[in-house]
Amino acid sequence: MLNFFRGIKQCQMGATAVEYGLIASLLVIAMMAAFTNFANTTSGMWNSVSNKVVTASEG
């Protein structure tokens, strides 16, 4: 049993997998923030275009 715990302590594969998982999760969070910002900007642009078209058609 003691050899089992020594083997776990010396194994680095689990730590590497956790590090890659953390990096991947940070990338996903950054991408979500960028896409949300892009979507809000695009939505605002189309709302502005719509308002201008409605104003132009009323005049």
C-alpha atoms as a PDB file:
ATOM      1  CA  MET A   1       0.000   0.000   0.000  1.00  0.00           C
ATOM      2  CA  LEU A   2       2.870   2.346   0.791  1.00  0.00           C
ATOM      3  CA  ASN A   3       4.347   1.751  -2.683  1.00  0.00           C
ATOM      4  CA  PHE A   4       1.020   2.773  -4.214  1.00  0.00           C
ATOM      5  CA  PHE A   5       1.073   6.164  -2.472  1.00  0.00           C
ATOM      6  CA  ARG A   6       4.713   6.718  -3.407  1.00  0.00           C
ATOM      7  CA  GLY A   7       3.846   6.016  -7.050  1.00  0.00           C
ATOM      8  CA  ILE A   8       0.980   8.523  -6.944  1.00  0.00           C
ATOM      9  CA  LYS A   9       3.218  11.156  -5.373  1.00  0.00           C
ATOM     10  CA  GLN A  10       5.840  10.797  -8.108  1.00  0.00           C
ATOM     11  CA  CYS A  11       3.415  10.645 -11.040  1.00  0.00           C
ATOM     12  CA  GLN A  12       3.286  13.937 -12.984  1.00  0.00           C
ATOM     13  CA  MET A  13       0.713  13.001 -15.650  1.00  0.00           C
ATOM     14  CA  GLY A  14      -2.268  14.011 -13.509  1.00  0.00           C
ATOM     15  CA  ALA A  15      -0.768  17.408 -12.744  1.00  0.00           C
ATOM     16  CA  THR A  16      -0.079  18.024 -16.420  1.00  0.00           C
ATOM     17  CA  ALA A  17      -3.646  17.088 -17.347  1.00  0.00           C
ATOM     18  CA  VAL A  18      -4.997  19.502 -14.718  1.00  0.00           C
ATOM     19  CA  GLU A  19      -2.768  22.286 -16.031  1.00  0.00           C
ATOM     20  CA  TYR A  20      -3.960  21.717 -19.606  1.00  0.00           C
ATOM     21  CA  GLY A  21      -7.546  21.692 -18.363  1.00  0.00           C
ATOM     22  CA  LEU A  22      -7.066  25.028 -16.610  1.00  0.00           C
ATOM     23  CA  ILE A  23      -5.495  26.580 -19.700  1.00  0.00           C
ATOM     24  CA  ALA A  24      -8.343  25.303 -21.882  1.00  0.00           C
ATOM     25  CA  SER A  25     -10.963  26.661 -19.468  1.00  0.00           C
ATOM     26  CA  LEU A  26      -9.299  30.091 -19.422  1.00  0.00           C
ATOM     27  CA  LEU A  27      -9.288  30.140 -23.227  1.00  0.00           C
ATOM     28  CA  VAL A  28     -12.988  29.246 -23.320  1.00  0.00           C
ATOM     29  CA  ILE A  29     -13.823  32.015 -20.821  1.00  0.00           C
ATOM     30  CA  ALA A  30     -11.852  34.558 -22.865  1.00  0.00           C
ATOM     31  CA  MET A  31     -13.584  33.450 -26.076  1.00  0.00           C
ATOM     32  CA  MET A  32     -17.012  33.728 -24.450  1.00  0.00           C
ATOM     33  CA  ALA A  33     -16.251  37.259 -23.281  1.00  0.00           C
ATOM     34  CA  ALA A  34     -15.021  38.269 -26.737  1.00  0.00           C
ATOM     35  CA  PHE A  35     -18.063  36.753 -28.486  1.00  0.00           C
ATOM     36  CA  THR A  36     -20.436  38.419 -26.021  1.00  0.00           C
ATOM     37  CA  ASN A  37     -18.802  41.791 -26.639  1.00  0.00           C
ATOM     38  CA  PHE A  38     -18.950  41.235 -30.407  1.00  0.00           C
ATOM     39  CA  ALA A  39     -22.619  40.236 -30.238  1.00  0.00           C
ATOM     40  CA  ASN A  40     -23.542  43.300 -28.195  1.00  0.00           C
ATOM     41  CA  THR A  41     -21.689  45.608 -30.583  1.00  0.00           C
ATOM     42  CA  THR A  42     -23.286  44.014 -33.635  1.00  0.00           C
ATOM     43  CA  SER A  43     -26.742  44.140 -32.086  1.00  0.00           C
ATOM     44  CA  GLY A  44     -26.299  47.824 -31.283  1.00  0.00           C
ATOM     45  CA  MET A  45     -25.200  48.533 -34.837  1.00  0.00           C
ATOM     46  CA  TRP A  46     -28.267  46.849 -36.356  1.00  0.00           C
ATOM     47  CA  ASN A  47     -30.581  48.615 -33.894  1.00  0.00           C
ATOM     48  CA  SER A  48     -29.081  51.922 -35.003  1.00  0.00           C
ATOM     49  CA  VAL A  49     -29.592  51.037 -38.667  1.00  0.00           C
ATOM     50  CA  SER A  50     -33.191  50.027 -37.963  1.00  0.00           C
ATOM     51  CA  ASN A  51     -33.904  53.296 -36.148  1.00  0.00           C
ATOM     52  CA  LYS A  52     -32.449  55.321 -39.019  1.00  0.00           C
ATOM     53  CA  VAL A  53     -34.538  53.437 -41.581  1.00  0.00           C
ATOM     54  CA  VAL A  54     -37.712  53.985 -39.562  1.00  0.00           C
ATOM     55  CA  THR A  55     -36.892  57.693 -39.125  1.00  0.00           C
ATOM     56  CA  ALA A  56     -36.167  58.089 -42.846  1.00  0.00           C
ATOM     57  CA  SER A  57     -39.403  56.374 -43.846  1.00  0.00           C
ATOM     58  CA  GLU A  58     -41.475  58.611 -41.550  1.00  0.00           C
ATOM     59  CA  GLY A  59     -40.058  61.835 -42.983  1.00  0.00           C
END
